[in-house]
Amino acid sequence: MSQLLLPGDPGFYETLHGSLPPGWRNGVDSDFGGYFAVKADSLLLEPLSPEEVADYMEGGEYDELEWLEDADPTD
């Protein structure tokens, strides 16, 4: 019997980010550089172009997600 894994459960984010999201190829442009990032608004992996990666890293969105690194999932 499989168990439902919910946000806050141990291993939820590791499982969520351990594989590519379904249908990820549908939103990929021709300039896709093989990059994926966890977006702050959805907390899901999304494919990014090289320009989007630079904006993601330099624009502060990456820094917004640092709380995930230190977050206690039991809080």
C-alpha atoms as a PDB file:
ATOM      1  CA  MET A   1       0.000   0.000   0.000  1.00  0.00           C
ATOM      2  CA  SER A   2       1.443   3.380  -0.949  1.00  0.00           C
ATOM      3  CA  GLN A   3       1.416   6.307   1.413  1.00  0.00           C
ATOM      4  CA  LEU A   4       0.417   9.861   0.530  1.00  0.00           C
ATOM      5  CA  LEU A   5       3.362  12.240   0.900  1.00  0.00           C
ATOM      6  CA  LEU A   6       2.319  15.769   1.858  1.00  0.00           C
ATOM      7  CA  PRO A   7       4.187  19.098   2.168  1.00  0.00           C
ATOM      8  CA  GLY A   8       5.915  19.107   5.520  1.00  0.00           C
ATOM      9  CA  ASP A   9       6.415  15.338   5.565  1.00  0.00           C
ATOM     10  CA  PRO A  10      10.037  14.161   5.698  1.00  0.00           C
ATOM     11  CA  GLY A  11      11.283  13.610   2.168  1.00  0.00           C
ATOM     12  CA  PHE A  12       8.476  15.575   0.467  1.00  0.00           C
ATOM     13  CA  TYR A  13      10.692  18.151  -1.251  1.00  0.00           C
ATOM     14  CA  GLU A  14      13.397  15.601  -2.046  1.00  0.00           C
ATOM     15  CA  THR A  15      10.772  13.448  -3.751  1.00  0.00           C
ATOM     16  CA  LEU A  16       9.150  16.412  -5.496  1.00  0.00           C
ATOM     17  CA  HIS A  17      12.447  17.628  -6.917  1.00  0.00           C
ATOM     18  CA  GLY A  18      13.878  14.177  -7.589  1.00  0.00           C
ATOM     19  CA  SER A  19      12.284  13.885 -11.019  1.00  0.00           C
ATOM     20  CA  LEU A  20      11.246  16.174 -13.819  1.00  0.00           C
ATOM     21  CA  PRO A  21       7.693  17.503 -13.695  1.00  0.00           C
ATOM     22  CA  PRO A  22       5.125  15.878 -15.975  1.00  0.00           C
ATOM     23  CA  GLY A  23       4.803  17.671 -19.295  1.00  0.00           C
ATOM     24  CA  TRP A  24       7.968  19.721 -18.806  1.00  0.00           C
ATOM     25  CA  ARG A  25       8.797  19.451 -22.513  1.00  0.00           C
ATOM     26  CA  ASN A  26       5.564  21.287 -23.402  1.00  0.00           C
ATOM     27  CA  GLY A  27       6.865  24.590 -22.024  1.00  0.00           C
ATOM     28  CA  VAL A  28      10.409  24.349 -23.361  1.00  0.00           C
ATOM     29  CA  ASP A  29      11.489  26.959 -25.885  1.00  0.00           C
ATOM     30  CA  SER A  30      14.117  26.398 -28.534  1.00  0.00           C
ATOM     31  CA  ASP A  31      16.633  28.280 -26.357  1.00  0.00           C
ATOM     32  CA  PHE A  32      16.308  25.763 -23.480  1.00  0.00           C
ATOM     33  CA  GLY A  33      19.795  25.258 -22.109  1.00  0.00           C
ATOM     34  CA  GLY A  34      19.196  22.181 -19.986  1.00  0.00           C
ATOM     35  CA  TYR A  35      18.637  24.195 -16.804  1.00  0.00           C
ATOM     36  CA  PHE A  36      15.934  23.648 -14.227  1.00  0.00           C
ATOM     37  CA  ALA A  37      15.167  25.710 -11.146  1.00  0.00           C
ATOM     38  CA  VAL A  38      12.673  25.662  -8.317  1.00  0.00           C
ATOM     39  CA  LYS A  39      10.503  28.717  -8.865  1.00  0.00           C
ATOM     40  CA  ALA A  40       9.527  30.718  -5.768  1.00  0.00           C
ATOM     41  CA  ASP A  41       5.898  31.156  -6.806  1.00  0.00           C
ATOM     42  CA  SER A  42       5.159  27.459  -7.404  1.00  0.00           C
ATOM     43  CA  LEU A  43       7.995  25.598  -5.602  1.00  0.00           C
ATOM     44  CA  LEU A  44       8.157  23.332  -8.648  1.00  0.00           C
ATOM     45  CA  LEU A  45      11.007  22.599 -11.040  1.00  0.00           C
ATOM     46  CA  GLU A  46      10.689  24.550 -14.254  1.00  0.00           C
ATOM     47  CA  PRO A  47      12.885  24.497 -17.371  1.00  0.00           C
ATOM     48  CA  LEU A  48      14.875  27.698 -17.942  1.00  0.00           C
ATOM     49  CA  SER A  49      16.839  29.240 -20.772  1.00  0.00           C
ATOM     50  CA  PRO A  50      20.370  30.494 -20.032  1.00  0.00           C
ATOM     51  CA  GLU A  51      19.023  34.069 -19.834  1.00  0.00           C
ATOM     52  CA  GLU A  52      16.325  32.992 -17.364  1.00  0.00           C
ATOM     53  CA  VAL A  53      18.950  31.261 -15.211  1.00  0.00           C
ATOM     54  CA  ALA A  54      20.982  34.476 -15.013  1.00  0.00           C
ATOM     55  CA  ASP A  55      17.865  36.437 -14.073  1.00  0.00           C
ATOM     56  CA  TYR A  56      16.885  33.760 -11.529  1.00  0.00           C
ATOM     57  CA  MET A  57      20.290  33.882  -9.825  1.00  0.00           C
ATOM     58  CA  GLU A  58      20.943  37.626 -10.036  1.00  0.00           C
ATOM     59  CA  GLY A  59      17.364  38.840  -9.608  1.00  0.00           C
ATOM     60  CA  GLY A  60      16.943  37.491  -6.085  1.00  0.00           C
ATOM     61  CA  GLU A  61      14.524  34.635  -6.725  1.00  0.00           C
ATOM     62  CA  TYR A  62      17.149  32.077  -5.733  1.00  0.00           C
ATOM     63  CA  ASP A  63      17.723  33.933  -2.472  1.00  0.00           C
ATOM     64  CA  GLU A  64      13.981  33.839  -1.738  1.00  0.00           C
ATOM     65  CA  LEU A  65      14.206  30.060  -1.575  1.00  0.00           C
ATOM     66  CA  GLU A  66      17.022  29.870   0.974  1.00  0.00           C
ATOM     67  CA  TRP A  67      14.439  29.420   3.719  1.00  0.00           C
ATOM     68  CA  LEU A  68      13.759  25.961   2.297  1.00  0.00           C
ATOM     69  CA  GLU A  69      17.295  24.921   3.102  1.00  0.00           C
ATOM     70  CA  ASP A  70      16.931  25.823   6.767  1.00  0.00           C
ATOM     71  CA  ALA A  71      13.220  25.118   7.207  1.00  0.00           C
ATOM     72  CA  ASP A  72      12.165  22.457   9.659  1.00  0.00           C
ATOM     73  CA  PRO A  73       9.408  20.518   7.864  1.00  0.00           C
ATOM     74  CA  THR A  74       7.746  19.774  11.202  1.00  0.00           C
ATOM     75  CA  ASP A  75       7.079  23.477  11.927  1.00  0.00           C
END
